[in-house]
Amino acid sequence: MSMTDRVADQNLIQLAKQQYEQQKRSTIPSEIMSLVSQGKVYPKDHPLRSGKIEMRYMTAYDEDILTTPSYIKEGVVLDKLLEALIVTPVDYATITRIDKNGLIISARIVSYGKDYDVIVKDPKTKKELKRTVDLTKLKNSDFDIESDDLGEFDYKLNDGTDLKFKFLINSDSDGDSIRELLQDMITQVNGSRTEESILDFIRYKFLAKESKQFRTYVAKVTPSIIMDYEFEGEDGGTFIAGFSVGADLFWF
């Protein structure tokens, strides 16, 4: 048998394994989830433009992802988990951070249930209380602005300059500098979409005051999960308090 034949056989074996795994995974129960962004942040032809995504339940095999040392070291555990659970045929690298935050909560609900224990402080007694949050009751903030067919949004500066911007996706930078953040977000300036024209605008024409107003606006309209919840106090009354999701989200 020639080297070419052996390579071809190995490819066929690998393909057969992939097809078998896909077939077996298709038998795992799944649910259709609503995206925090309502799909507005994606181009018209993107699989998630509908605002929905299908995600399957975790199995015991998937739990190994949560304890993989290399994933933990690189800080990609939750990304690897979501990649494994998402059924909808979509390039994971194109999913916005906005929606990934919501999908993490959804993955927790379908995998381990809706109840999540947290510690909150009673505003009357100042004591810390252990309470349980029903994750299915969390609401999303309003997202009223409309995107175009490219999943981009309009913004006009005080001097009349027209901008188009997008919300950050996984492959974008973390905004190590304001300049990098703006470069990742701004997609068009007065009709021009070239990298040179956008950078020129940021360097020489985008005044600091206007830049701050723009970033404040984007932060204000960015959709998110509202992490405020009604808890029962020590006296039997209720109070509203925020809570954070910890590293124990996928553990009991």
C-alpha atoms as a PDB file:
ATOM      1  CA  MET A   1       0.000   0.000   0.000  1.00  0.00           C
ATOM      2  CA  SER A   2       1.355   3.399  -0.987  1.00  0.00           C
ATOM      3  CA  MET A   3       1.741   6.383   1.318  1.00  0.00           C
ATOM      4  CA  THR A   4      -1.093   8.091  -0.570  1.00  0.00           C
ATOM      5  CA  ASP A   5      -3.401   5.141   0.008  1.00  0.00           C
ATOM      6  CA  ARG A   6      -2.595   5.063   3.739  1.00  0.00           C
ATOM      7  CA  VAL A   7      -3.314   8.797   4.072  1.00  0.00           C
ATOM      8  CA  ALA A   8      -6.587   8.377   2.183  1.00  0.00           C
ATOM      9  CA  ASP A   9      -7.610   5.496   4.480  1.00  0.00           C
ATOM     10  CA  GLN A  10      -6.785   7.533   7.576  1.00  0.00           C
ATOM     11  CA  ASN A  11      -8.882  10.417   6.265  1.00  0.00           C
ATOM     12  CA  LEU A  12     -11.822   8.078   5.643  1.00  0.00           C
ATOM     13  CA  ILE A  13     -11.510   6.646   9.153  1.00  0.00           C
ATOM     14  CA  GLN A  14     -11.383  10.133  10.661  1.00  0.00           C
ATOM     15  CA  LEU A  15     -14.417  11.207   8.610  1.00  0.00           C
ATOM     16  CA  ALA A  16     -16.327   8.118   9.716  1.00  0.00           C
ATOM     17  CA  LYS A  17     -15.524   8.889  13.364  1.00  0.00           C
ATOM     18  CA  GLN A  18     -16.727  12.482  12.974  1.00  0.00           C
ATOM     19  CA  GLN A  19     -19.963  11.350  11.318  1.00  0.00           C
ATOM     20  CA  TYR A  20     -20.522   8.799  14.090  1.00  0.00           C
ATOM     21  CA  GLU A  21     -19.995  11.417  16.798  1.00  0.00           C
ATOM     22  CA  GLN A  22     -22.348  13.856  15.058  1.00  0.00           C
ATOM     23  CA  GLN A  23     -24.978  11.144  14.788  1.00  0.00           C
ATOM     24  CA  LYS A  24     -24.693  10.231  18.467  1.00  0.00           C
ATOM     25  CA  ARG A  25     -24.723  13.882  19.578  1.00  0.00           C
ATOM     26  CA  SER A  26     -27.929  14.458  17.605  1.00  0.00           C
ATOM     27  CA  THR A  27     -29.692  12.084  20.020  1.00  0.00           C
ATOM     28  CA  ILE A  28     -28.890  14.280  23.052  1.00  0.00           C
ATOM     29  CA  PRO A  29     -31.837  16.516  24.082  1.00  0.00           C
ATOM     30  CA  SER A  30     -31.524  20.182  23.131  1.00  0.00           C
ATOM     31  CA  GLU A  31     -33.433  23.435  23.511  1.00  0.00           C
ATOM     32  CA  ILE A  32     -33.903  26.606  21.484  1.00  0.00           C
ATOM     33  CA  MET A  33     -32.529  29.621  23.370  1.00  0.00           C
ATOM     34  CA  SER A  34     -33.226  33.325  22.876  1.00  0.00           C
ATOM     35  CA  LEU A  35     -30.156  35.499  22.387  1.00  0.00           C
ATOM     36  CA  VAL A  36     -29.566  38.550  24.574  1.00  0.00           C
ATOM     37  CA  SER A  37     -28.899  40.600  21.420  1.00  0.00           C
ATOM     38  CA  GLN A  38     -32.127  39.420  19.755  1.00  0.00           C
ATOM     39  CA  GLY A  39     -29.903  38.683  16.758  1.00  0.00           C
ATOM     40  CA  LYS A  40     -29.691  42.374  15.839  1.00  0.00           C
ATOM     41  CA  VAL A  41     -25.887  42.472  16.085  1.00  0.00           C
ATOM     42  CA  TYR A  42     -25.399  40.008  13.226  1.00  0.00           C
ATOM     43  CA  PRO A  43     -25.499  40.453   9.440  1.00  0.00           C
ATOM     44  CA  LYS A  44     -28.760  39.613   7.666  1.00  0.00           C
ATOM     45  CA  ASP A  45     -27.424  36.286   6.374  1.00  0.00           C
ATOM     46  CA  HIS A  46     -25.901  35.171   9.693  1.00  0.00           C
ATOM     47  CA  PRO A  47     -27.365  32.003  11.300  1.00  0.00           C
ATOM     48  CA  LEU A  48     -28.086  33.919  14.531  1.00  0.00           C
ATOM     49  CA  ARG A  49     -29.889  36.880  12.942  1.00  0.00           C
ATOM     50  CA  SER A  50     -33.159  35.192  13.955  1.00  0.00           C
ATOM     51  CA  GLY A  51     -32.287  35.820  17.595  1.00  0.00           C
ATOM     52  CA  LYS A  52     -32.403  32.104  18.423  1.00  0.00           C
ATOM     53  CA  ILE A  53     -29.776  29.405  18.917  1.00  0.00           C
ATOM     54  CA  GLU A  54     -30.055  25.683  19.620  1.00  0.00           C
ATOM     55  CA  MET A  55     -28.030  24.259  22.484  1.00  0.00           C
ATOM     56  CA  ARG A  56     -27.893  20.663  23.677  1.00  0.00           C
ATOM     57  CA  TYR A  57     -27.706  19.384  27.233  1.00  0.00           C
ATOM     58  CA  MET A  58     -24.341  18.600  28.841  1.00  0.00           C
ATOM     59  CA  THR A  59     -23.304  14.990  29.321  1.00  0.00           C
ATOM     60  CA  ALA A  60     -20.841  13.534  31.821  1.00  0.00           C
ATOM     61  CA  TYR A  61     -18.296  13.481  28.994  1.00  0.00           C
ATOM     62  CA  ASP A  62     -18.666  17.259  28.525  1.00  0.00           C
ATOM     63  CA  GLU A  63     -17.883  17.834  32.203  1.00  0.00           C
ATOM     64  CA  ASP A  64     -14.269  16.919  31.464  1.00  0.00           C
ATOM     65  CA  ILE A  65     -13.993  20.223  29.602  1.00  0.00           C
ATOM     66  CA  LEU A  66     -14.475  22.084  32.875  1.00  0.00           C
ATOM     67  CA  THR A  67     -11.467  20.379  34.437  1.00  0.00           C
ATOM     68  CA  THR A  68      -9.057  20.386  31.487  1.00  0.00           C
ATOM     69  CA  PRO A  69      -5.865  22.020  32.847  1.00  0.00           C
ATOM     70  CA  SER A  70      -4.787  23.574  29.532  1.00  0.00           C
ATOM     71  CA  TYR A  71      -8.211  25.207  29.058  1.00  0.00           C
ATOM     72  CA  ILE A  72      -8.163  26.527  32.609  1.00  0.00           C
ATOM     73  CA  LYS A  73      -4.637  27.895  32.165  1.00  0.00           C
ATOM     74  CA  GLU A  74      -5.564  29.648  28.911  1.00  0.00           C
ATOM     75  CA  GLY A  75      -8.860  30.944  30.303  1.00  0.00           C
ATOM     76  CA  VAL A  76     -10.951  29.325  27.559  1.00  0.00           C
ATOM     77  CA  VAL A  77     -12.926  26.766  29.579  1.00  0.00           C
ATOM     78  CA  LEU A  78     -16.334  28.354  29.024  1.00  0.00           C
ATOM     79  CA  ASP A  79     -15.628  29.014  25.347  1.00  0.00           C
ATOM     80  CA  LYS A  80     -14.724  25.350  24.824  1.00  0.00           C
ATOM     81  CA  LEU A  81     -17.849  24.288  26.685  1.00  0.00           C
ATOM     82  CA  LEU A  82     -20.141  26.511  24.617  1.00  0.00           C
ATOM     83  CA  GLU A  83     -18.501  25.342  21.385  1.00  0.00           C
ATOM     84  CA  ALA A  84     -19.284  21.760  22.357  1.00  0.00           C
ATOM     85  CA  LEU A  85     -22.895  22.448  23.341  1.00  0.00           C
ATOM     86  CA  ILE A  86     -24.057  24.687  20.488  1.00  0.00           C
ATOM     87  CA  VAL A  87     -26.013  22.705  17.900  1.00  0.00           C
ATOM     88  CA  THR A  88     -26.828  25.515  15.479  1.00  0.00           C
ATOM     89  CA  PRO A  89     -24.301  25.473  12.608  1.00  0.00           C
ATOM     90  CA  VAL A  90     -22.478  28.732  13.304  1.00  0.00           C
ATOM     91  CA  ASP A  91     -18.866  29.886  13.388  1.00  0.00           C
ATOM     92  CA  TYR A  92     -18.258  30.287  17.122  1.00  0.00           C
ATOM     93  CA  ALA A  93     -15.712  33.054  16.475  1.00  0.00           C
ATOM     94  CA  THR A  94     -18.527  35.266  15.130  1.00  0.00           C
ATOM     95  CA  ILE A  95     -20.706  35.136  18.246  1.00  0.00           C
ATOM     96  CA  THR A  96     -20.634  38.410  20.174  1.00  0.00           C
ATOM     97  CA  ARG A  97     -19.543  38.640  23.789  1.00  0.00           C
ATOM     98  CA  ILE A  98     -23.013  39.958  24.554  1.00  0.00           C
ATOM     99  CA  ASP A  99     -24.595  36.655  23.572  1.00  0.00           C
ATOM    100  CA  LYS A 100     -21.873  34.440  25.036  1.00  0.00           C
ATOM    101  CA  ASN A 101     -22.617  35.839  28.500  1.00  0.00           C
ATOM    102  CA  GLY A 102     -26.241  34.847  28.074  1.00  0.00           C
ATOM    103  CA  LEU A 103     -25.390  31.440  26.657  1.00  0.00           C
ATOM    104  CA  ILE A 104     -23.244  30.661  29.690  1.00  0.00           C
ATOM    105  CA  ILE A 105     -26.301  31.187  31.907  1.00  0.00           C
ATOM    106  CA  SER A 106     -28.427  29.106  29.515  1.00  0.00           C
ATOM    107  CA  ALA A 107     -25.846  26.296  29.539  1.00  0.00           C
ATOM    108  CA  ARG A 108     -25.947  26.264  33.355  1.00  0.00           C
ATOM    109  CA  ILE A 109     -29.753  26.042  33.363  1.00  0.00           C
ATOM    110  CA  VAL A 110     -30.057  23.161  30.891  1.00  0.00           C
ATOM    111  CA  SER A 111     -27.119  21.301  32.401  1.00  0.00           C
ATOM    112  CA  TYR A 112     -27.457  21.600  36.182  1.00  0.00           C
ATOM    113  CA  GLY A 113     -30.790  23.307  36.691  1.00  0.00           C
ATOM    114  CA  LYS A 114     -32.090  26.814  37.355  1.00  0.00           C
ATOM    115  CA  ASP A 115     -31.228  27.168  41.058  1.00  0.00           C
ATOM    116  CA  TYR A 116     -27.977  28.945  41.895  1.00  0.00           C
ATOM    117  CA  ASP A 117     -26.881  29.713  45.455  1.00  0.00           C
ATOM    118  CA  VAL A 118     -25.476  33.165  46.161  1.00  0.00           C
ATOM    119  CA  ILE A 119     -24.443  35.279  49.157  1.00  0.00           C
ATOM    120  CA  VAL A 120     -26.125  38.707  49.475  1.00  0.00           C
ATOM    121  CA  LYS A 121     -26.142  41.361  52.180  1.00  0.00           C
ATOM    122  CA  ASP A 122     -29.426  42.317  53.844  1.00  0.00           C
ATOM    123  CA  PRO A 123     -29.598  46.147  53.591  1.00  0.00           C
ATOM    124  CA  LYS A 124     -31.409  46.384  56.953  1.00  0.00           C
ATOM    125  CA  THR A 125     -29.342  44.084  59.137  1.00  0.00           C
ATOM    126  CA  LYS A 126     -26.109  44.284  57.076  1.00  0.00           C
ATOM    127  CA  LYS A 127     -25.793  40.521  57.527  1.00  0.00           C
ATOM    128  CA  GLU A 128     -24.739  38.226  54.713  1.00  0.00           C
ATOM    129  CA  LEU A 129     -27.457  35.783  53.729  1.00  0.00           C
ATOM    130  CA  LYS A 130     -27.345  32.621  51.660  1.00  0.00           C
ATOM    131  CA  ARG A 131     -30.100  32.732  49.095  1.00  0.00           C
ATOM    132  CA  THR A 132     -31.055  30.849  45.924  1.00  0.00           C
ATOM    133  CA  VAL A 133     -31.529  32.570  42.576  1.00  0.00           C
ATOM    134  CA  ASP A 134     -33.866  31.120  39.942  1.00  0.00           C
ATOM    135  CA  LEU A 135     -31.741  31.781  36.853  1.00  0.00           C
ATOM    136  CA  THR A 136     -34.759  31.426  34.547  1.00  0.00           C
ATOM    137  CA  LYS A 137     -36.245  34.587  36.094  1.00  0.00           C
ATOM    138  CA  LEU A 138     -33.362  36.833  35.014  1.00  0.00           C
ATOM    139  CA  LYS A 139     -34.394  39.422  32.436  1.00  0.00           C
ATOM    140  CA  ASN A 140     -32.515  41.068  29.603  1.00  0.00           C
ATOM    141  CA  SER A 141     -32.126  44.827  29.346  1.00  0.00           C
ATOM    142  CA  ASP A 142     -34.041  46.649  26.619  1.00  0.00           C
ATOM    143  CA  PHE A 143     -32.376  46.757  23.209  1.00  0.00           C
ATOM    144  CA  ASP A 144     -34.309  49.253  21.124  1.00  0.00           C
ATOM    145  CA  ILE A 145     -31.791  50.418  18.522  1.00  0.00           C
ATOM    146  CA  GLU A 146     -32.013  48.901  15.042  1.00  0.00           C
ATOM    147  CA  SER A 147     -29.150  47.504  12.985  1.00  0.00           C
ATOM    148  CA  ASP A 148     -28.689  47.449   9.222  1.00  0.00           C
ATOM    149  CA  ASP A 149     -28.273  44.337   7.077  1.00  0.00           C
ATOM    150  CA  LEU A 150     -24.626  44.116   8.145  1.00  0.00           C
ATOM    151  CA  GLY A 151     -25.519  44.056  11.833  1.00  0.00           C
ATOM    152  CA  GLU A 152     -24.093  47.574  12.285  1.00  0.00           C
ATOM    153  CA  PHE A 153     -25.512  50.634  14.025  1.00  0.00           C
ATOM    154  CA  ASP A 154     -25.533  54.363  13.262  1.00  0.00           C
ATOM    155  CA  TYR A 155     -24.098  57.132  15.416  1.00  0.00           C
ATOM    156  CA  LYS A 156     -23.787  60.844  14.587  1.00  0.00           C
ATOM    157  CA  LEU A 157     -21.240  63.112  16.242  1.00  0.00           C
ATOM    158  CA  ASN A 158     -22.065  66.672  17.271  1.00  0.00           C
ATOM    159  CA  ASP A 159     -20.160  68.004  14.249  1.00  0.00           C
ATOM    160  CA  GLY A 160     -22.268  65.898  11.889  1.00  0.00           C
ATOM    161  CA  THR A 161     -19.764  63.092  11.313  1.00  0.00           C
ATOM    162  CA  ASP A 162     -21.586  59.834  10.584  1.00  0.00           C
ATOM    163  CA  LEU A 163     -20.255  56.648  12.145  1.00  0.00           C
ATOM    164  CA  LYS A 164     -21.240  53.033  11.894  1.00  0.00           C
ATOM    165  CA  PHE A 165     -20.215  50.640  14.650  1.00  0.00           C
ATOM    166  CA  LYS A 166     -20.564  47.009  15.685  1.00  0.00           C
ATOM    167  CA  PHE A 167     -20.557  45.218  18.999  1.00  0.00           C
ATOM    168  CA  LEU A 168     -17.419  43.275  19.847  1.00  0.00           C
ATOM    169  CA  ILE A 169     -17.083  39.608  18.974  1.00  0.00           C
ATOM    170  CA  ASN A 170     -14.772  36.961  20.367  1.00  0.00           C
ATOM    171  CA  SER A 171     -11.981  37.615  17.875  1.00  0.00           C
ATOM    172  CA  ASP A 172     -11.843  41.346  18.626  1.00  0.00           C
ATOM    173  CA  SER A 173      -9.269  42.757  21.004  1.00  0.00           C
ATOM    174  CA  ASP A 174      -9.990  43.306  24.663  1.00  0.00           C
ATOM    175  CA  GLY A 175      -9.470  47.007  24.174  1.00  0.00           C
ATOM    176  CA  ASP A 176      -5.986  47.225  25.678  1.00  0.00           C
ATOM    177  CA  SER A 177      -6.144  50.864  24.623  1.00  0.00           C
ATOM    178  CA  ILE A 178      -8.989  53.206  23.731  1.00  0.00           C
ATOM    179  CA  ARG A 179      -7.595  53.415  20.210  1.00  0.00           C
ATOM    180  CA  GLU A 180      -7.756  49.622  19.786  1.00  0.00           C
ATOM    181  CA  LEU A 181     -11.253  49.509  21.214  1.00  0.00           C
ATOM    182  CA  LEU A 182     -12.469  52.178  18.808  1.00  0.00           C
ATOM    183  CA  GLN A 183     -10.758  50.509  15.851  1.00  0.00           C
ATOM    184  CA  ASP A 184     -12.535  47.243  16.649  1.00  0.00           C
ATOM    185  CA  MET A 185     -15.924  48.911  17.025  1.00  0.00           C
ATOM    186  CA  ILE A 186     -16.030  51.571  14.303  1.00  0.00           C
ATOM    187  CA  THR A 187     -16.653  50.119  10.855  1.00  0.00           C
ATOM    188  CA  GLN A 188     -17.343  53.260   8.813  1.00  0.00           C
ATOM    189  CA  VAL A 189     -16.680  57.011   8.940  1.00  0.00           C
ATOM    190  CA  ASN A 190     -18.653  59.288   6.609  1.00  0.00           C
ATOM    191  CA  GLY A 191     -19.171  56.449   4.158  1.00  0.00           C
ATOM    192  CA  SER A 192     -15.564  55.235   4.135  1.00  0.00           C
ATOM    193  CA  ARG A 193     -14.801  51.738   5.418  1.00  0.00           C
ATOM    194  CA  THR A 194     -11.048  51.591   4.856  1.00  0.00           C
ATOM    195  CA  GLU A 195      -8.806  50.853   7.824  1.00  0.00           C
ATOM    196  CA  GLU A 196      -6.670  53.872   6.955  1.00  0.00           C
ATOM    197  CA  SER A 197      -9.564  56.340   6.997  1.00  0.00           C
ATOM    198  CA  ILE A 198     -10.917  54.997  10.287  1.00  0.00           C
ATOM    199  CA  LEU A 199      -7.501  55.159  11.970  1.00  0.00           C
ATOM    200  CA  ASP A 200      -6.911  58.643  10.578  1.00  0.00           C
ATOM    201  CA  PHE A 201     -10.236  59.757  12.043  1.00  0.00           C
ATOM    202  CA  ILE A 202      -9.411  58.281  15.469  1.00  0.00           C
ATOM    203  CA  ARG A 203      -5.931  59.827  15.522  1.00  0.00           C
ATOM    204  CA  TYR A 204      -6.600  63.324  14.243  1.00  0.00           C
ATOM    205  CA  LYS A 205     -10.325  64.127  14.276  1.00  0.00           C
ATOM    206  CA  PHE A 206     -12.068  62.187  17.036  1.00  0.00           C
ATOM    207  CA  LEU A 207     -11.829  64.619  19.955  1.00  0.00           C
ATOM    208  CA  ALA A 208     -11.533  63.071  23.413  1.00  0.00           C
ATOM    209  CA  LYS A 209     -14.832  64.557  24.549  1.00  0.00           C
ATOM    210  CA  GLU A 210     -16.681  63.114  21.556  1.00  0.00           C
ATOM    211  CA  SER A 211     -14.922  59.752  21.988  1.00  0.00           C
ATOM    212  CA  LYS A 212     -16.067  59.525  25.597  1.00  0.00           C
ATOM    213  CA  GLN A 213     -19.632  60.421  24.642  1.00  0.00           C
ATOM    214  CA  PHE A 214     -19.598  57.704  21.984  1.00  0.00           C
ATOM    215  CA  ARG A 215     -18.259  55.057  24.365  1.00  0.00           C
ATOM    216  CA  THR A 216     -20.782  56.093  27.018  1.00  0.00           C
ATOM    217  CA  TYR A 217     -23.577  55.770  24.460  1.00  0.00           C
ATOM    218  CA  VAL A 218     -22.446  52.287  23.387  1.00  0.00           C
ATOM    219  CA  ALA A 219     -22.197  51.140  27.010  1.00  0.00           C
ATOM    220  CA  LYS A 220     -25.703  52.475  27.653  1.00  0.00           C
ATOM    221  CA  VAL A 221     -27.352  50.691  24.708  1.00  0.00           C
ATOM    222  CA  THR A 222     -25.399  47.431  25.001  1.00  0.00           C
ATOM    223  CA  PRO A 223     -27.883  44.644  25.807  1.00  0.00           C
ATOM    224  CA  SER A 224     -27.139  42.570  28.872  1.00  0.00           C
ATOM    225  CA  ILE A 225     -28.610  40.253  31.468  1.00  0.00           C
ATOM    226  CA  ILE A 226     -29.971  42.206  34.435  1.00  0.00           C
ATOM    227  CA  MET A 227     -28.233  40.730  37.470  1.00  0.00           C
ATOM    228  CA  ASP A 228     -30.623  42.270  39.991  1.00  0.00           C
ATOM    229  CA  TYR A 229     -32.910  39.954  41.909  1.00  0.00           C
ATOM    230  CA  GLU A 230     -35.578  40.112  44.611  1.00  0.00           C
ATOM    231  CA  PHE A 231     -34.408  38.373  47.781  1.00  0.00           C
ATOM    232  CA  GLU A 232     -36.126  37.624  51.078  1.00  0.00           C
ATOM    233  CA  GLY A 233     -34.689  39.470  54.046  1.00  0.00           C
ATOM    234  CA  GLU A 234     -34.270  38.268  57.611  1.00  0.00           C
ATOM    235  CA  ASP A 235     -37.495  39.986  58.665  1.00  0.00           C
ATOM    236  CA  GLY A 236     -39.566  38.276  55.973  1.00  0.00           C
ATOM    237  CA  GLY A 237     -39.640  41.317  53.729  1.00  0.00           C
ATOM    238  CA  THR A 238     -37.916  41.560  50.383  1.00  0.00           C
ATOM    239  CA  PHE A 239     -35.142  43.653  48.888  1.00  0.00           C
ATOM    240  CA  ILE A 240     -33.552  44.034  45.463  1.00  0.00           C
ATOM    241  CA  ALA A 241     -29.838  43.358  45.189  1.00  0.00           C
ATOM    242  CA  GLY A 242     -27.335  42.555  42.524  1.00  0.00           C
ATOM    243  CA  PHE A 243     -25.302  39.372  42.521  1.00  0.00           C
ATOM    244  CA  SER A 244     -22.348  38.087  40.564  1.00  0.00           C
ATOM    245  CA  VAL A 245     -21.768  34.771  38.887  1.00  0.00           C
ATOM    246  CA  GLY A 246     -18.704  32.997  40.236  1.00  0.00           C
ATOM    247  CA  ALA A 247     -16.419  30.213  39.077  1.00  0.00           C
ATOM    248  CA  ASP A 248     -18.797  27.782  40.803  1.00  0.00           C
ATOM    249  CA  LEU A 249     -21.561  28.357  38.265  1.00  0.00           C
ATOM    250  CA  PHE A 250     -21.091  24.851  36.881  1.00  0.00           C
ATOM    251  CA  TRP A 251     -20.509  23.169  40.237  1.00  0.00           C
ATOM    252  CA  PHE A 252     -22.689  22.318  43.200  1.00  0.00           C
END
